[in-house]
Amino acid sequence: MTRVTNNMMIRDFKNNYNRSQGTLNKYMNQLSTGKRMQNVSDDPLSATKSLSTKSTIKYNEQHTKNVQDGIKWLETTDMALDDVGSTLRQARDLAVQGATDSATPADKAMIAKDVRQLREHLVEVGNTTYDDRYIFNGTRTDERPYTAGDSTNPDDYFANDADVSEATIYREVGQGVKIDINVSGADIGDEGFSKVLADLKKFEDALNGEGDESIQDGIANIDDHIEETLMARARVGARQQRMGLLESRLEAQKINHSENLSDIEDVDMAETITNLKMEENVHRASLAIGARVIQPTLVDFLS
């Protein structure tokens, strides 16, 4: 039989005492931080899952920001297109008034002035911005696309002596998923927004008895522009709807990922408090046993 010495008992006591103190410290840290792991070494597998989940949440948050920015861009575009359609309908109402047999040259001249004001307003709409970026100039968002003019040539309404950009702006809304959010001025109206402005000038000239087109031609052109603008707005509406659905899905995914992260990292407070109480009892018992194991020596009796 192996002989157990006092030194062996003291050594075992110290090892068990240190282990108990370490466990006690672990539970105290868990309660004070609310986290199950303080270091990666505590649970390498769970720590790896935690880092992966946090990375997923970061991607989710960025995609949510992209979706929200895309929604705001599309809302601005939709309001601008609504303004274009409303203005063109006003121009059509004026055209109908000017086409009546009862309209005198003076009446038509007054209508022509109103049409001019509508045309100048449309130039402002064509230069609509979102976050200081021009929304109807493709990827050249820092360049103003249109300028006020007094010409029947569509090219004369381009601000930079060049056609507007037709490049597409995308927002990444998921892993490998991109949605285009912009509408180029070339897609507004029949044959582009500059053609809308030029045709309104032709209509204005017809009201003043100038040019080669009649007032009826002006009405036909306006009808074409209204139809194409409505189609552009319908495409924007479809993207808005998709973006809204994506935003809801991303929010649901964020909640799900956050719950998963909580399951991995967070402690069960009730269970941890119970474990702490048990470990405190073990710790006290260890101290009591230690007092018995460490025998008094002759030095203790010297005074």
Protein backbone atom coordinates (compact mmCIF):
# COMPACT_ATOMS: atom_id res chain seq x y z
CA MET A 1 0.00 0.00 0.00
CA THR A 2 1.32 3.43 -0.92
CA ARG A 3 2.27 5.55 2.03
CA VAL A 4 0.51 8.96 2.02
CA THR A 5 2.67 11.63 3.59
CA ASN A 6 1.61 14.96 5.00
CA ASN A 7 3.37 16.78 2.15
CA MET A 8 1.35 14.79 -0.38
CA MET A 9 -1.88 15.75 1.35
CA ILE A 10 -0.86 19.41 1.42
CA ARG A 11 0.07 19.29 -2.26
CA ASP A 12 -3.27 17.73 -3.23
CA PHE A 13 -5.07 20.28 -1.09
CA LYS A 14 -3.31 23.18 -2.85
CA ASN A 15 -4.14 21.76 -6.29
CA ASN A 16 -7.80 21.27 -5.42
CA TYR A 17 -7.99 24.65 -3.72
CA ASN A 18 -6.52 26.43 -6.76
CA ARG A 19 -8.89 24.55 -9.07
CA SER A 20 -11.88 25.52 -6.90
CA GLN A 21 -10.74 29.13 -6.82
CA GLY A 22 -10.37 29.16 -10.61
CA THR A 23 -13.88 27.75 -11.08
CA LEU A 24 -15.25 30.27 -8.61
CA ASN A 25 -13.54 33.09 -10.51
CA LYS A 26 -14.97 31.78 -13.80
CA TYR A 27 -18.55 31.91 -12.52
CA MET A 28 -18.02 35.38 -11.00
CA ASN A 29 -16.69 36.68 -14.33
CA GLN A 30 -19.62 35.13 -16.20
CA LEU A 31 -22.12 36.82 -13.90
CA SER A 32 -20.37 40.21 -14.04
CA THR A 33 -20.04 40.22 -17.86
CA GLY A 34 -23.08 38.16 -18.82
CA LYS A 35 -20.87 36.24 -21.27
CA ARG A 36 -20.08 32.55 -21.12
CA MET A 37 -16.61 32.94 -22.64
CA GLN A 38 -13.96 35.41 -21.52
CA ASN A 39 -11.21 34.03 -23.78
CA VAL A 40 -11.17 31.98 -26.98
CA SER A 41 -9.43 29.21 -25.05
CA ASP A 42 -12.50 28.82 -22.81
CA ASP A 43 -14.43 27.17 -25.68
CA PRO A 44 -12.64 27.32 -29.09
CA LEU A 45 -15.56 25.80 -31.03
CA SER A 46 -18.14 28.21 -29.62
CA ALA A 47 -15.71 31.11 -30.05
CA THR A 48 -15.36 30.24 -33.76
CA LYS A 49 -19.16 30.10 -34.15
CA SER A 50 -19.43 33.44 -32.34
CA LEU A 51 -16.94 35.16 -34.66
CA SER A 52 -18.70 33.71 -37.72
CA THR A 53 -22.11 34.88 -36.49
CA LYS A 54 -20.77 38.37 -35.71
CA SER A 55 -19.36 38.58 -39.24
CA THR A 56 -22.74 37.56 -40.66
CA ILE A 57 -24.46 40.25 -38.58
CA LYS A 58 -22.00 42.88 -39.91
CA TYR A 59 -22.78 41.89 -43.50
CA ASN A 60 -26.48 41.96 -42.68
CA GLU A 61 -26.19 45.48 -41.23
CA GLN A 62 -24.34 46.74 -44.33
CA HIS A 63 -26.88 45.18 -46.68
CA THR A 64 -29.67 46.78 -44.62
CA LYS A 65 -27.99 50.18 -44.98
CA ASN A 66 -27.68 49.61 -48.75
CA VAL A 67 -31.37 48.69 -48.99
CA GLN A 68 -32.44 51.73 -46.96
CA ASP A 69 -30.28 54.02 -49.11
CA GLY A 70 -31.73 52.43 -52.25
CA ILE A 71 -35.28 52.92 -50.96
CA LYS A 72 -34.64 56.62 -50.31
CA TRP A 73 -33.07 57.04 -53.77
CA LEU A 74 -36.07 55.33 -55.40
CA GLU A 75 -38.51 57.41 -53.34
CA THR A 76 -36.81 60.58 -54.57
CA THR A 77 -36.96 59.25 -58.14
CA ASP A 78 -40.62 58.34 -57.79
CA MET A 79 -41.51 61.82 -56.51
CA ALA A 80 -39.60 63.42 -59.39
CA LEU A 81 -41.33 61.22 -61.97
CA ASP A 82 -44.68 61.98 -60.38
CA ASP A 83 -43.84 65.66 -60.76
CA VAL A 84 -42.94 65.11 -64.43
CA GLY A 85 -46.22 63.30 -65.09
CA SER A 86 -48.26 65.93 -63.25
CA THR A 87 -46.56 68.76 -65.14
CA LEU A 88 -47.11 67.06 -68.49
CA ARG A 89 -50.79 66.57 -67.69
CA GLN A 90 -51.06 70.29 -66.95
CA ALA A 91 -49.39 70.97 -70.31
CA ARG A 92 -51.90 68.66 -72.00
CA ASP A 93 -54.83 70.47 -70.37
CA LEU A 94 -53.42 73.73 -71.69
CA ALA A 95 -52.99 72.14 -75.12
CA VAL A 96 -56.64 71.14 -75.16
CA GLN A 97 -57.61 74.70 -74.28
CA GLY A 98 -55.38 76.07 -77.03
CA ALA A 99 -56.79 73.66 -79.61
CA THR A 100 -60.40 74.87 -79.23
CA ASP A 101 -61.89 77.01 -81.97
CA SER A 102 -62.86 79.64 -79.42
CA ALA A 103 -59.24 80.27 -78.38
CA THR A 104 -58.06 83.63 -79.72
CA PRO A 105 -54.42 84.40 -80.60
CA ALA A 106 -54.21 86.37 -77.33
CA ASP A 107 -55.51 83.34 -75.42
CA LYS A 108 -52.96 81.10 -77.12
CA ALA A 109 -50.17 83.53 -76.32
CA MET A 110 -51.11 83.41 -72.63
CA ILE A 111 -51.21 79.60 -72.75
CA ALA A 112 -47.77 79.64 -74.41
CA LYS A 113 -46.40 81.61 -71.46
CA ASP A 114 -47.83 79.02 -69.07
CA VAL A 115 -46.24 76.22 -71.10
CA ARG A 116 -42.91 78.02 -70.93
CA GLN A 117 -43.16 78.10 -67.13
CA LEU A 118 -43.93 74.38 -67.08
CA ARG A 119 -40.92 73.68 -69.31
CA GLU A 120 -38.61 75.64 -67.02
CA HIS A 121 -40.02 73.77 -64.04
CA LEU A 122 -39.27 70.46 -65.75
CA VAL A 123 -35.63 71.47 -66.15
CA GLU A 124 -35.47 71.83 -62.37
CA VAL A 125 -37.10 68.41 -61.95
CA GLY A 126 -34.57 66.92 -64.37
CA ASN A 127 -31.82 68.18 -62.05
CA THR A 128 -33.32 66.57 -58.94
CA THR A 129 -30.72 65.44 -56.40
CA TYR A 130 -30.55 62.93 -53.59
CA ASP A 131 -27.80 63.46 -51.02
CA ASP A 132 -26.21 66.07 -53.35
CA ARG A 133 -26.15 63.57 -56.24
CA TYR A 134 -28.03 64.08 -59.50
CA ILE A 135 -30.36 61.10 -59.86
CA PHE A 136 -31.03 61.28 -63.62
CA ASN A 137 -27.44 61.32 -64.90
CA GLY A 138 -26.46 57.68 -64.52
CA THR A 139 -23.14 57.24 -62.73
CA ARG A 140 -22.13 60.86 -63.40
CA THR A 141 -24.00 61.92 -60.29
CA ASP A 142 -21.74 64.92 -59.67
CA GLU A 143 -22.66 66.53 -63.03
CA ARG A 144 -25.85 68.51 -63.62
CA PRO A 145 -27.60 66.81 -66.56
CA TYR A 146 -29.90 69.54 -67.93
CA THR A 147 -29.93 73.26 -68.49
CA ALA A 148 -32.64 75.75 -69.37
CA GLY A 149 -32.90 76.42 -73.08
CA ASP A 150 -35.08 77.95 -75.73
CA SER A 151 -34.58 75.47 -78.53
CA THR A 152 -36.47 72.73 -80.35
CA ASN A 153 -33.25 70.68 -80.53
CA PRO A 154 -33.09 68.15 -77.67
CA ASP A 155 -29.28 68.30 -77.59
CA ASP A 156 -29.39 71.96 -76.55
CA TYR A 157 -30.83 71.01 -73.16
CA PHE A 158 -27.83 68.97 -72.03
CA ALA A 159 -25.84 70.90 -69.42
CA ASN A 160 -22.42 69.55 -70.43
CA ASP A 161 -22.74 69.50 -74.23
CA ALA A 162 -23.06 65.73 -74.02
CA ASP A 163 -25.81 63.18 -73.62
CA VAL A 164 -26.75 62.08 -70.11
CA SER A 165 -25.15 58.95 -68.73
CA GLU A 166 -27.21 55.78 -69.12
CA ALA A 167 -24.97 53.74 -66.78
CA THR A 168 -26.69 51.81 -64.02
CA ILE A 169 -26.20 52.35 -60.29
CA TYR A 170 -26.50 49.24 -58.16
CA ARG A 171 -26.86 48.51 -54.47
CA GLU A 172 -25.67 45.17 -53.08
CA VAL A 173 -28.52 43.87 -50.95
CA GLY A 174 -27.25 40.34 -50.28
CA GLN A 175 -24.41 37.96 -51.02
CA GLY A 176 -24.09 38.27 -54.81
CA VAL A 177 -27.45 40.07 -55.12
CA LYS A 178 -27.55 43.56 -56.65
CA ILE A 179 -30.50 45.77 -57.56
CA ASP A 180 -30.35 48.79 -59.87
CA ILE A 181 -31.80 51.90 -58.27
CA ASN A 182 -31.49 54.67 -60.82
CA VAL A 183 -33.41 55.90 -63.83
CA SER A 184 -31.48 57.70 -66.55
CA GLY A 185 -32.90 60.85 -68.07
CA ALA A 186 -32.73 58.97 -71.37
CA ASP A 187 -35.51 56.67 -70.08
CA ILE A 188 -37.95 59.46 -69.18
CA GLY A 189 -40.57 60.37 -71.73
CA ASP A 190 -40.54 59.28 -75.35
CA GLU A 191 -36.87 59.25 -76.54
CA GLY A 192 -35.52 60.91 -73.40
CA PHE A 193 -36.13 63.83 -71.10
CA SER A 194 -34.40 66.36 -73.36
CA LYS A 195 -36.92 65.42 -76.08
CA VAL A 196 -39.71 66.24 -73.61
CA LEU A 197 -38.30 69.75 -73.18
CA ALA A 198 -37.77 70.22 -76.92
CA ASP A 199 -41.33 69.07 -77.74
CA LEU A 200 -42.78 71.49 -75.18
CA LYS A 201 -40.84 74.26 -76.93
CA LYS A 202 -42.34 73.14 -80.26
CA PHE A 203 -45.78 73.20 -78.67
CA GLU A 204 -45.10 76.67 -77.29
CA ASP A 205 -44.11 77.82 -80.80
CA ALA A 206 -47.27 76.30 -82.27
CA LEU A 207 -49.37 78.29 -79.79
CA ASN A 208 -47.56 81.43 -80.93
CA GLY A 209 -48.21 80.55 -84.57
CA GLU A 210 -44.57 79.62 -85.17
CA GLY A 211 -42.76 76.42 -86.18
CA ASP A 212 -43.81 73.50 -88.33
CA GLU A 213 -45.94 71.56 -85.83
CA SER A 214 -49.59 72.08 -84.97
CA ILE A 215 -51.17 72.18 -81.54
CA GLN A 216 -52.61 68.71 -82.24
CA ASP A 217 -49.08 67.44 -82.85
CA GLY A 218 -48.15 68.89 -79.46
CA ILE A 219 -50.98 67.01 -77.77
CA ALA A 220 -49.88 63.74 -79.40
CA ASN A 221 -46.27 64.27 -78.31
CA ILE A 222 -47.32 65.07 -74.74
CA ASP A 223 -49.47 61.92 -74.62
CA ASP A 224 -46.47 59.81 -75.70
CA HIS A 225 -44.28 61.41 -73.04
CA ILE A 226 -46.90 60.85 -70.33
CA GLU A 227 -47.21 57.16 -71.25
CA GLU A 228 -43.44 56.57 -71.21
CA THR A 229 -43.06 58.46 -67.92
CA LEU A 230 -45.77 56.29 -66.35
CA MET A 231 -43.92 53.18 -67.52
CA ALA A 232 -40.66 54.45 -66.00
CA ARG A 233 -42.49 55.16 -62.75
CA ALA A 234 -43.99 51.64 -62.78
CA ARG A 235 -40.48 50.16 -63.03
CA VAL A 236 -39.38 52.30 -60.09
CA GLY A 237 -42.42 51.15 -58.10
CA ALA A 238 -41.55 47.49 -58.73
CA ARG A 239 -38.02 48.07 -57.40
CA GLN A 240 -39.39 49.92 -54.38
CA GLN A 241 -41.64 46.97 -53.57
CA ARG A 242 -38.75 44.52 -53.86
CA MET A 243 -36.53 46.72 -51.69
CA GLY A 244 -39.26 46.89 -49.04
CA LEU A 245 -39.53 43.09 -48.97
CA LEU A 246 -35.76 42.79 -48.72
CA GLU A 247 -35.65 45.25 -45.83
CA SER A 248 -38.20 43.18 -43.91
CA ARG A 249 -36.30 39.96 -44.61
CA LEU A 250 -32.96 41.48 -43.53
CA GLU A 251 -34.52 42.74 -40.29
CA ALA A 252 -35.88 39.25 -39.59
CA GLN A 253 -32.47 37.73 -40.34
CA LYS A 254 -30.79 40.20 -37.98
CA ILE A 255 -33.10 39.16 -35.15
CA ASN A 256 -32.42 35.49 -35.90
CA HIS A 257 -28.63 35.97 -36.02
CA SER A 258 -28.70 38.02 -32.80
CA GLU A 259 -30.62 35.27 -31.04
CA ASN A 260 -28.11 32.69 -32.27
CA LEU A 261 -25.25 34.84 -30.99
CA SER A 262 -26.96 35.17 -27.63
CA ASP A 263 -27.35 31.39 -27.43
CA ILE A 264 -23.62 30.98 -28.12
CA GLU A 265 -22.24 33.74 -25.89
CA ASP A 266 -24.68 34.61 -23.13
CA VAL A 267 -24.85 32.77 -19.83
CA ASP A 268 -27.92 31.27 -18.21
CA MET A 269 -28.04 33.59 -15.21
CA ALA A 270 -30.12 31.26 -12.98
CA GLU A 271 -27.92 28.27 -13.73
CA THR A 272 -24.70 30.26 -13.24
CA ILE A 273 -25.88 31.66 -9.87
CA THR A 274 -26.69 28.10 -8.74
CA ASN A 275 -23.27 26.90 -9.89
CA LEU A 276 -21.61 29.82 -8.08
CA LYS A 277 -23.39 28.99 -4.82
CA MET A 278 -22.35 25.35 -5.13
CA GLU A 279 -18.76 26.31 -5.86
CA GLU A 280 -18.74 28.67 -2.88
CA ASN A 281 -19.74 25.73 -0.68
CA VAL A 282 -17.02 23.61 -2.23
CA HIS A 283 -14.54 26.42 -1.66
CA ARG A 284 -15.49 26.75 2.00
CA ALA A 285 -15.26 22.98 2.47
CA SER A 286 -11.84 23.03 0.83
CA LEU A 287 -10.64 25.67 3.27
CA ALA A 288 -12.01 23.65 6.22
CA ILE A 289 -10.27 20.50 4.99
CA GLY A 290 -7.07 22.44 4.49
CA ALA A 291 -7.12 23.58 8.09
CA ARG A 292 -7.20 19.92 9.14
CA VAL A 293 -4.60 18.73 6.66
CA ILE A 294 -2.00 21.36 7.51
CA GLN A 295 -0.86 20.02 10.87
CA PRO A 296 0.40 22.39 13.57
CA THR A 297 4.15 22.35 14.04
CA LEU A 298 6.41 23.08 17.00
CA VAL A 299 6.81 26.65 15.75
CA ASP A 300 3.10 27.27 16.37
CA PHE A 301 3.66 26.65 20.09
CA LEU A 302 6.67 28.93 20.44
CA SER A 303 5.93 32.30 21.92
